[in-house]
């Protein structure tokens, strides 16, 4: 998949667990886990905005485009 989700990288940089992020963002652990593992097919801008606010980062810190070979 050409879109890579670096949520785990940002969480590690902020020393934040999945449980803590789940509480602060208001998403279930399972939905955050699906996003973190790159299995999500979509993300709402409002969800991305909240995650960026909690992690104090930009959307580009979480999402990365990698061209297919």
PDB file of N, CA and C in Angstrom:
ATOM      1  N   UNK A   1       0.847  -1.188   0.000  1.00  0.00           N
ATOM      2  CA  UNK A   1       0.000   0.000   0.000  1.00  0.00           C
ATOM      3  C   UNK A   1       0.888   1.246   0.000  1.00  0.00           C
ATOM      4  N   UNK A   2       0.619   2.190  -0.870  1.00  0.00           N
ATOM      5  CA  UNK A   2       1.488   3.361  -0.975  1.00  0.00           C
ATOM      6  C   UNK A   2       1.355   4.366   0.169  1.00  0.00           C
ATOM      7  N   UNK A   3       0.310   4.296   0.977  1.00  0.00           N
ATOM      8  CA  UNK A   3       0.181   5.185   2.131  1.00  0.00           C
ATOM      9  C   UNK A   3       0.641   4.419   3.378  1.00  0.00           C
ATOM     10  N   UNK A   4       1.660   4.942   4.032  1.00  0.00           N
ATOM     11  CA  UNK A   4       2.209   4.326   5.230  1.00  0.00           C
ATOM     12  C   UNK A   4       1.749   5.139   6.440  1.00  0.00           C
ATOM     13  N   UNK A   5       1.267   4.455   7.467  1.00  0.00           N
ATOM     14  CA  UNK A   5       0.819   5.110   8.691  1.00  0.00           C
ATOM     15  C   UNK A   5       1.931   4.984   9.732  1.00  0.00           C
ATOM     16  N   UNK A   6       2.460   6.120  10.160  1.00  0.00           N
ATOM     17  CA  UNK A   6       3.549   6.162  11.136  1.00  0.00           C
ATOM     18  C   UNK A   6       3.058   6.561  12.521  1.00  0.00           C
ATOM     19  N   UNK A   7       1.851   6.143  12.854  1.00  0.00           N
ATOM     20  CA  UNK A   7       1.276   6.494  14.149  1.00  0.00           C
ATOM     21  C   UNK A   7       2.118   5.941  15.298  1.00  0.00           C
ATOM     22  N   UNK A   8       2.611   4.719  15.145  1.00  0.00           N
ATOM     23  CA  UNK A   8       3.417   4.117  16.204  1.00  0.00           C
ATOM     24  C   UNK A   8       4.718   4.878  16.438  1.00  0.00           C
ATOM     25  N   UNK A   9       5.284   5.447  15.367  1.00  0.00           N
ATOM     26  CA  UNK A   9       6.511   6.242  15.486  1.00  0.00           C
ATOM     27  C   UNK A   9       6.242   7.507  16.301  1.00  0.00           C
ATOM     28  N   UNK A  10       5.149   8.189  15.981  1.00  0.00           N
ATOM     29  CA  UNK A  10       4.818   9.421  16.713  1.00  0.00           C
ATOM     30  C   UNK A  10       4.455   9.120  18.164  1.00  0.00           C
ATOM     31  N   UNK A  11       3.775   8.014  18.396  1.00  0.00           N
ATOM     32  CA  UNK A  11       3.444   7.631  19.763  1.00  0.00           C
ATOM     33  C   UNK A  11       4.721   7.355  20.560  1.00  0.00           C
ATOM     34  N   UNK A  12       5.680   6.696  19.946  1.00  0.00           N
ATOM     35  CA  UNK A  12       6.949   6.409  20.624  1.00  0.00           C
ATOM     36  C   UNK A  12       7.707   7.700  20.920  1.00  0.00           C
ATOM     37  N   UNK A  13       7.716   8.634  19.962  1.00  0.00           N
ATOM     38  CA  UNK A  13       8.400   9.914  20.173  1.00  0.00           C
ATOM     39  C   UNK A  13       7.782  10.688  21.331  1.00  0.00           C
ATOM     40  N   UNK A  14       6.473  10.558  21.498  1.00  0.00           N
ATOM     41  CA  UNK A  14       5.761  11.272  22.567  1.00  0.00           C
ATOM     42  C   UNK A  14       5.635  10.427  23.835  1.00  0.00           C
ATOM     43  N   UNK A  15       6.208   9.217  23.783  1.00  0.00           N
ATOM     44  CA  UNK A  15       6.147   8.285  24.927  1.00  0.00           C
ATOM     45  C   UNK A  15       4.700   8.078  25.393  1.00  0.00           C
ATOM     46  N   UNK A  16       3.826   7.789  24.427  1.00  0.00           N
ATOM     47  CA  UNK A  16       2.409   7.625  24.714  1.00  0.00           C
ATOM     48  C   UNK A  16       1.972   6.219  24.317  1.00  0.00           C
ATOM     49  N   UNK A  17       1.242   5.580  25.193  1.00  0.00           N
ATOM     50  CA  UNK A  17       0.741   4.233  24.909  1.00  0.00           C
ATOM     51  C   UNK A  17      -0.542   4.315  24.076  1.00  0.00           C
ATOM     52  N   UNK A  18      -0.906   3.179  23.501  1.00  0.00           N
ATOM     53  CA  UNK A  18      -2.133   3.108  22.724  1.00  0.00           C
ATOM     54  C   UNK A  18      -3.345   3.371  23.619  1.00  0.00           C
ATOM     55  N   UNK A  19      -3.290   2.872  24.851  1.00  0.00           N
ATOM     56  CA  UNK A  19      -4.386   3.119  25.800  1.00  0.00           C
ATOM     57  C   UNK A  19      -4.544   4.600  26.108  1.00  0.00           C
ATOM     58  N   UNK A  20      -3.424   5.273  26.339  1.00  0.00           N
ATOM     59  CA  UNK A  20      -3.464   6.705  26.652  1.00  0.00           C
ATOM     60  C   UNK A  20      -3.986   7.513  25.462  1.00  0.00           C
ATOM     61  N   UNK A  21      -3.495   7.185  24.264  1.00  0.00           N
ATOM     62  CA  UNK A  21      -3.960   7.886  23.057  1.00  0.00           C
ATOM     63  C   UNK A  21      -5.445   7.638  22.843  1.00  0.00           C
ATOM     64  N   UNK A  22      -5.885   6.410  23.058  1.00  0.00           N
ATOM     65  CA  UNK A  22      -7.297   6.064  22.914  1.00  0.00           C
ATOM     66  C   UNK A  22      -8.165   6.913  23.840  1.00  0.00           C
ATOM     67  N   UNK A  23      -7.742   7.053  25.084  1.00  0.00           N
ATOM     68  CA  UNK A  23      -8.497   7.868  26.043  1.00  0.00           C
ATOM     69  C   UNK A  23      -8.556   9.331  25.626  1.00  0.00           C
ATOM     70  N   UNK A  24      -7.427   9.869  25.175  1.00  0.00           N
ATOM     71  CA  UNK A  24      -7.353  11.290  24.836  1.00  0.00           C
ATOM     72  C   UNK A  24      -8.051  11.624  23.526  1.00  0.00           C
ATOM     73  N   UNK A  25      -8.040  10.672  22.577  1.00  0.00           N
ATOM     74  CA  UNK A  25      -8.634  10.917  21.257  1.00  0.00           C
ATOM     75  C   UNK A  25     -10.118  10.564  21.253  1.00  0.00           C
ATOM     76  N   UNK A  26     -10.501   9.613  22.087  1.00  0.00           N
ATOM     77  CA  UNK A  26     -11.898   9.205  22.117  1.00  0.00           C
ATOM     78  C   UNK A  26     -12.227   8.126  21.107  1.00  0.00           C
ATOM     79  N   UNK A  27     -11.230   7.344  20.699  1.00  0.00           N
ATOM     80  CA  UNK A  27     -11.449   6.222  19.802  1.00  0.00           C
ATOM     81  C   UNK A  27     -11.223   4.924  20.565  1.00  0.00           C
ATOM     82  N   UNK A  28     -11.859   3.861  20.099  1.00  0.00           N
ATOM     83  CA  UNK A  28     -11.654   2.570  20.745  1.00  0.00           C
ATOM     84  C   UNK A  28     -10.247   2.066  20.449  1.00  0.00           C
ATOM     85  N   UNK A  29      -9.774   1.194  21.320  1.00  0.00           N
ATOM     86  CA  UNK A  29      -8.458   0.586  21.112  1.00  0.00           C
ATOM     87  C   UNK A  29      -8.411  -0.162  19.786  1.00  0.00           C
ATOM     88  N   UNK A  30      -9.485  -0.856  19.446  1.00  0.00           N
ATOM     89  CA  UNK A  30      -9.491  -1.639  18.210  1.00  0.00           C
ATOM     90  C   UNK A  30      -9.401  -0.734  16.976  1.00  0.00           C
ATOM     91  N   UNK A  31     -10.103   0.392  16.983  1.00  0.00           N
ATOM     92  CA  UNK A  31     -10.037   1.303  15.838  1.00  0.00           C
ATOM     93  C   UNK A  31      -8.657   1.956  15.721  1.00  0.00           C
ATOM     94  N   UNK A  32      -8.073   2.329  16.845  1.00  0.00           N
ATOM     95  CA  UNK A  32      -6.719   2.887  16.814  1.00  0.00           C
ATOM     96  C   UNK A  32      -5.704   1.847  16.368  1.00  0.00           C
ATOM     97  N   UNK A  33      -5.888   0.623  16.798  1.00  0.00           N
ATOM     98  CA  UNK A  33      -4.990  -0.458  16.411  1.00  0.00           C
ATOM     99  C   UNK A  33      -5.050  -0.709  14.911  1.00  0.00           C
ATOM    100  N   UNK A  34      -6.247  -0.684  14.348  1.00  0.00           N
ATOM    101  CA  UNK A  34      -6.422  -0.859  12.905  1.00  0.00           C
ATOM    102  C   UNK A  34      -5.704   0.260  12.160  1.00  0.00           C
ATOM    103  N   UNK A  35      -5.820   1.471  12.659  1.00  0.00           N
ATOM    104  CA  UNK A  35      -5.136   2.605  12.042  1.00  0.00           C
ATOM    105  C   UNK A  35      -3.623   2.463  12.175  1.00  0.00           C
ATOM    106  N   UNK A  36      -3.168   2.106  13.364  1.00  0.00           N
ATOM    107  CA  UNK A  36      -1.737   2.002  13.650  1.00  0.00           C
ATOM    108  C   UNK A  36      -1.057   0.939  12.796  1.00  0.00           C
ATOM    109  N   UNK A  37      -1.748  -0.164  12.541  1.00  0.00           N
ATOM    110  CA  UNK A  37      -1.159  -1.250  11.760  1.00  0.00           C
ATOM    111  C   UNK A  37      -1.280  -1.039  10.257  1.00  0.00           C
ATOM    112  N   UNK A  38      -1.920   0.056   9.857  1.00  0.00           N
ATOM    113  CA  UNK A  38      -2.032   0.355   8.428  1.00  0.00           C
ATOM    114  C   UNK A  38      -3.144  -0.398   7.731  1.00  0.00           C
ATOM    115  N   UNK A  39      -4.043  -1.013   8.490  1.00  0.00           N
ATOM    116  CA  UNK A  39      -5.134  -1.790   7.895  1.00  0.00           C
ATOM    117  C   UNK A  39      -6.380  -0.951   7.629  1.00  0.00           C
ATOM    118  N   UNK A  40      -6.383   0.291   8.071  1.00  0.00           N
ATOM    119  CA  UNK A  40      -7.539   1.170   7.859  1.00  0.00           C
ATOM    120  C   UNK A  40      -7.642   1.552   6.389  1.00  0.00           C
ATOM    121  N   UNK A  41      -8.859   1.630   5.904  1.00  0.00           N
ATOM    122  CA  UNK A  41      -9.100   2.027   4.518  1.00  0.00           C
ATOM    123  C   UNK A  41      -9.337   3.530   4.387  1.00  0.00           C
ATOM    124  N   UNK A  42      -9.658   4.181   5.509  1.00  0.00           N
ATOM    125  CA  UNK A  42      -9.947   5.618   5.495  1.00  0.00           C
ATOM    126  C   UNK A  42      -9.776   6.175   6.899  1.00  0.00           C
ATOM    127  N   UNK A  43      -9.646   7.494   6.964  1.00  0.00           N
ATOM    128  CA  UNK A  43      -9.620   8.194   8.256  1.00  0.00           C
ATOM    129  C   UNK A  43     -10.334   9.523   8.066  1.00  0.00           C
ATOM    130  N   UNK A  44     -11.155   9.873   9.010  1.00  0.00           N
ATOM    131  CA  UNK A  44     -11.856  11.153   8.953  1.00  0.00           C
ATOM    132  C   UNK A  44     -10.878  12.274   9.292  1.00  0.00           C
ATOM    133  N   UNK A  45     -11.056  13.401   8.632  1.00  0.00           N
ATOM    134  CA  UNK A  45     -10.197  14.552   8.919  1.00  0.00           C
ATOM    135  C   UNK A  45     -10.330  14.976  10.377  1.00  0.00           C
ATOM    136  N   UNK A  46     -11.515  14.863  10.935  1.00  0.00           N
ATOM    137  CA  UNK A  46     -11.710  15.252  12.337  1.00  0.00           C
ATOM    138  C   UNK A  46     -10.912  14.329  13.269  1.00  0.00           C
ATOM    139  N   UNK A  47     -10.843  13.055  12.929  1.00  0.00           N
ATOM    140  CA  UNK A  47     -10.050  12.108  13.720  1.00  0.00           C
ATOM    141  C   UNK A  47      -8.569  12.424  13.582  1.00  0.00           C
ATOM    142  N   UNK A  48      -8.129  12.669  12.364  1.00  0.00           N
ATOM    143  CA  UNK A  48      -6.726  13.015  12.116  1.00  0.00           C
ATOM    144  C   UNK A  48      -6.359  14.307  12.844  1.00  0.00           C
ATOM    145  N   UNK A  49      -7.261  15.270  12.826  1.00  0.00           N
ATOM    146  CA  UNK A  49      -7.032  16.535  13.521  1.00  0.00           C
ATOM    147  C   UNK A  49      -6.866  16.317  15.027  1.00  0.00           C
ATOM    148  N   UNK A  50      -7.715  15.484  15.607  1.00  0.00           N
ATOM    149  CA  UNK A  50      -7.641  15.217  17.041  1.00  0.00           C
ATOM    150  C   UNK A  50      -6.348  14.486  17.398  1.00  0.00           C
ATOM    151  N   UNK A  51      -5.971  13.501  16.588  1.00  0.00           N
ATOM    152  CA  UNK A  51      -4.725  12.767  16.830  1.00  0.00           C
ATOM    153  C   UNK A  51      -3.538  13.717  16.753  1.00  0.00           C
ATOM    154  N   UNK A  52      -3.524  14.587  15.743  1.00  0.00           N
ATOM    155  CA  UNK A  52      -2.436  15.557  15.607  1.00  0.00           C
ATOM    156  C   UNK A  52      -2.396  16.514  16.788  1.00  0.00           C
ATOM    157  N   UNK A  53      -3.563  16.915  17.274  1.00  0.00           N
ATOM    158  CA  UNK A  53      -3.617  17.812  18.432  1.00  0.00           C
ATOM    159  C   UNK A  53      -3.046  17.127  19.667  1.00  0.00           C
ATOM    160  N   UNK A  54      -3.449  15.887  19.905  1.00  0.00           N
ATOM    161  CA  UNK A  54      -2.995  15.153  21.090  1.00  0.00           C
ATOM    162  C   UNK A  54      -1.492  14.855  21.008  1.00  0.00           C
ATOM    163  N   UNK A  55      -1.014  14.468  19.825  1.00  0.00           N
ATOM    164  CA  UNK A  55       0.401  14.123  19.658  1.00  0.00           C
ATOM    165  C   UNK A  55       1.271  15.339  19.325  1.00  0.00           C
ATOM    166  N   UNK A  56       0.645  16.507  19.184  1.00  0.00           N
ATOM    167  CA  UNK A  56       1.359  17.742  18.842  1.00  0.00           C
ATOM    168  C   UNK A  56       2.249  17.531  17.613  1.00  0.00           C
ATOM    169  N   UNK A  57       1.589  17.155  16.508  1.00  0.00           N
ATOM    170  CA  UNK A  57       2.317  16.889  15.271  1.00  0.00           C
ATOM    171  C   UNK A  57       1.486  17.331  14.069  1.00  0.00           C
ATOM    172  N   UNK A  58       2.029  17.145  12.889  1.00  0.00           N
ATOM    173  CA  UNK A  58       1.359  17.469  11.636  1.00  0.00           C
ATOM    174  C   UNK A  58       0.862  16.173  10.989  1.00  0.00           C
ATOM    175  N   UNK A  59      -0.169  16.244  10.118  1.00  0.00           N
ATOM    176  CA  UNK A  59      -0.639  15.034   9.434  1.00  0.00           C
ATOM    177  C   UNK A  59       0.479  14.306   8.680  1.00  0.00           C
ATOM    178  N   UNK A  60       1.419  15.053   8.136  1.00  0.00           N
ATOM    179  CA  UNK A  60       2.540  14.454   7.415  1.00  0.00           C
ATOM    180  C   UNK A  60       3.487  13.677   8.312  1.00  0.00           C
ATOM    181  N   UNK A  61       3.409  13.915   9.623  1.00  0.00           N
ATOM    182  CA  UNK A  61       4.209  13.128  10.560  1.00  0.00           C
ATOM    183  C   UNK A  61       3.610  11.740  10.757  1.00  0.00           C
ATOM    184  N   UNK A  62       2.323  11.614  10.484  1.00  0.00           N
ATOM    185  CA  UNK A  62       1.608  10.360  10.690  1.00  0.00           C
ATOM    186  C   UNK A  62       1.426   9.598   9.375  1.00  0.00           C
ATOM    187  N   UNK A  63       1.119  10.314   8.307  1.00  0.00           N
ATOM    188  CA  UNK A  63       0.865   9.681   7.018  1.00  0.00           C
ATOM    189  C   UNK A  63       1.996   9.970   6.047  1.00  0.00           C
ATOM    190  N   UNK A  64       2.407   8.936   5.321  1.00  0.00           N
ATOM    191  CA  UNK A  64       3.509   9.055   4.373  1.00  0.00           C
ATOM    192  C   UNK A  64       3.123   8.351   3.077  1.00  0.00           C
ATOM    193  N   UNK A  65       3.418   8.981   1.947  1.00  0.00           N
ATOM    194  CA  UNK A  65       3.154   8.372   0.640  1.00  0.00           C
ATOM    195  C   UNK A  65       4.441   7.772   0.105  1.00  0.00           C
ATOM    196  N   UNK A  66       4.371   6.491  -0.257  1.00  0.00           N
ATOM    197  CA  UNK A  66       5.515   5.802  -0.842  1.00  0.00           C
ATOM    198  C   UNK A  66       5.068   5.244  -2.197  1.00  0.00           C
ATOM    199  N   UNK A  67       5.754   5.680  -3.220  1.00  0.00           N
ATOM    200  CA  UNK A  67       5.396   5.266  -4.584  1.00  0.00           C
ATOM    201  C   UNK A  67       5.620   3.770  -4.786  1.00  0.00           C
ATOM    202  N   UNK A  68       4.645   3.102  -5.418  1.00  0.00           N
ATOM    203  CA  UNK A  68       4.800   1.681  -5.740  1.00  0.00           C
ATOM    204  C   UNK A  68       5.885   1.507  -6.789  1.00  0.00           C
ATOM    205  N   UNK A  69       6.611   0.430  -6.661  1.00  0.00           N
ATOM    206  CA  UNK A  69       7.674   0.130  -7.634  1.00  0.00           C
ATOM    207  C   UNK A  69       7.095  -0.478  -8.888  1.00  0.00           C
TER     208      UNK A  69
END
